[in-house]
């Protein structure tokens, strides 16, 4: 599954929603928006993204999570 992120870029009256894929690949999804409309569109695109690997069932939690280590508490003796 490819990693995807969305963010806003712009200033004043002209804003764009940008899709970031991979390490440095950017694609303009839509531009020429007001800030409020760009924020709403960005939220809508983020809501469409899958909720992570665990939501798709691809991650076996029982095998992938490291066991918890017990913490030791120090005592002070007088």
Protein backbone atom coordinates (compact mmCIF):
# COMPACT_ATOMS: atom_id res chain seq x y z
CA UNK A 1 0.00 0.00 0.00
CA UNK A 2 1.45 3.35 -1.01
CA UNK A 3 1.72 6.02 1.64
CA UNK A 4 -0.35 9.11 0.90
CA UNK A 5 -0.70 12.41 2.74
CA UNK A 6 -2.58 15.60 1.98
CA UNK A 7 -1.72 19.15 2.99
CA UNK A 8 -2.50 22.74 2.04
CA UNK A 9 -0.26 25.27 0.38
CA UNK A 10 -1.05 28.84 -0.44
CA UNK A 11 -1.64 32.29 0.89
CA UNK A 12 -4.13 35.09 0.70
CA UNK A 13 -7.03 34.17 -1.56
CA UNK A 14 -5.46 31.25 -3.46
CA UNK A 15 -4.92 27.87 -1.78
CA UNK A 16 -4.20 24.40 -3.13
CA UNK A 17 -4.62 20.86 -1.81
CA UNK A 18 -1.44 18.87 -2.38
CA UNK A 19 -1.08 15.06 -2.37
CA UNK A 20 2.26 13.77 -1.14
CA UNK A 21 3.25 10.25 -2.16
CA UNK A 22 6.48 8.47 -1.54
CA UNK A 23 9.29 10.50 -0.07
CA UNK A 24 9.17 13.60 -2.23
CA UNK A 25 6.53 13.33 -4.94
CA UNK A 26 3.89 16.06 -4.87
CA UNK A 27 0.77 16.39 -6.98
CA UNK A 28 -1.64 19.31 -6.97
CA UNK A 29 -5.11 17.86 -6.43
CA UNK A 30 -6.99 21.15 -6.79
CA UNK A 31 -5.94 24.79 -6.64
CA UNK A 32 -7.42 28.27 -6.75
CA UNK A 33 -9.54 27.69 -3.64
CA UNK A 34 -10.25 29.91 -0.67
CA UNK A 35 -8.60 28.77 2.55
CA UNK A 36 -11.88 27.51 4.06
CA UNK A 37 -12.83 25.47 0.98
CA UNK A 38 -9.30 24.04 0.73
CA UNK A 39 -9.44 22.95 4.38
CA UNK A 40 -12.82 21.26 3.85
CA UNK A 41 -11.58 19.47 0.72
CA UNK A 42 -8.41 18.34 2.50
CA UNK A 43 -10.46 16.91 5.38
CA UNK A 44 -12.71 15.09 2.91
CA UNK A 45 -9.69 13.52 1.19
CA UNK A 46 -8.19 12.52 4.54
CA UNK A 47 -11.45 10.83 5.53
CA UNK A 48 -11.29 8.72 2.35
CA UNK A 49 -7.88 7.30 3.28
CA UNK A 50 -7.75 3.80 4.79
CA UNK A 51 -7.48 3.83 8.57
CA UNK A 52 -4.04 2.24 8.58
CA UNK A 53 -2.64 -1.21 8.17
CA UNK A 54 -4.37 -2.59 11.27
CA UNK A 55 -7.79 -1.67 9.85
CA UNK A 56 -7.11 -3.64 6.67
CA UNK A 57 -6.10 -6.77 8.56
CA UNK A 58 -2.58 -6.86 7.18
CA UNK A 59 -0.85 -6.56 10.54
CA UNK A 60 -0.72 -9.51 12.89
CA UNK A 61 -0.68 -7.75 16.23
CA UNK A 62 0.09 -10.87 18.25
CA UNK A 63 3.36 -11.40 16.42
CA UNK A 64 4.48 -7.86 15.69
CA UNK A 65 4.31 -6.16 19.07
CA UNK A 66 7.30 -6.53 21.34
CA UNK A 67 6.54 -7.95 24.79
CA UNK A 68 6.22 -5.47 27.64
CA UNK A 69 9.13 -5.27 29.95
CA UNK A 70 8.48 -5.15 33.65
CA UNK A 71 9.72 -2.01 35.25
CA UNK A 72 11.83 -2.29 38.34
CA UNK A 73 11.23 -0.02 41.27
CA UNK A 74 14.21 0.93 43.34
CA UNK A 75 13.89 0.94 47.09
CA UNK A 76 15.86 3.06 49.47
CA UNK A 77 17.02 1.39 52.69
CA UNK A 78 18.23 3.33 55.71
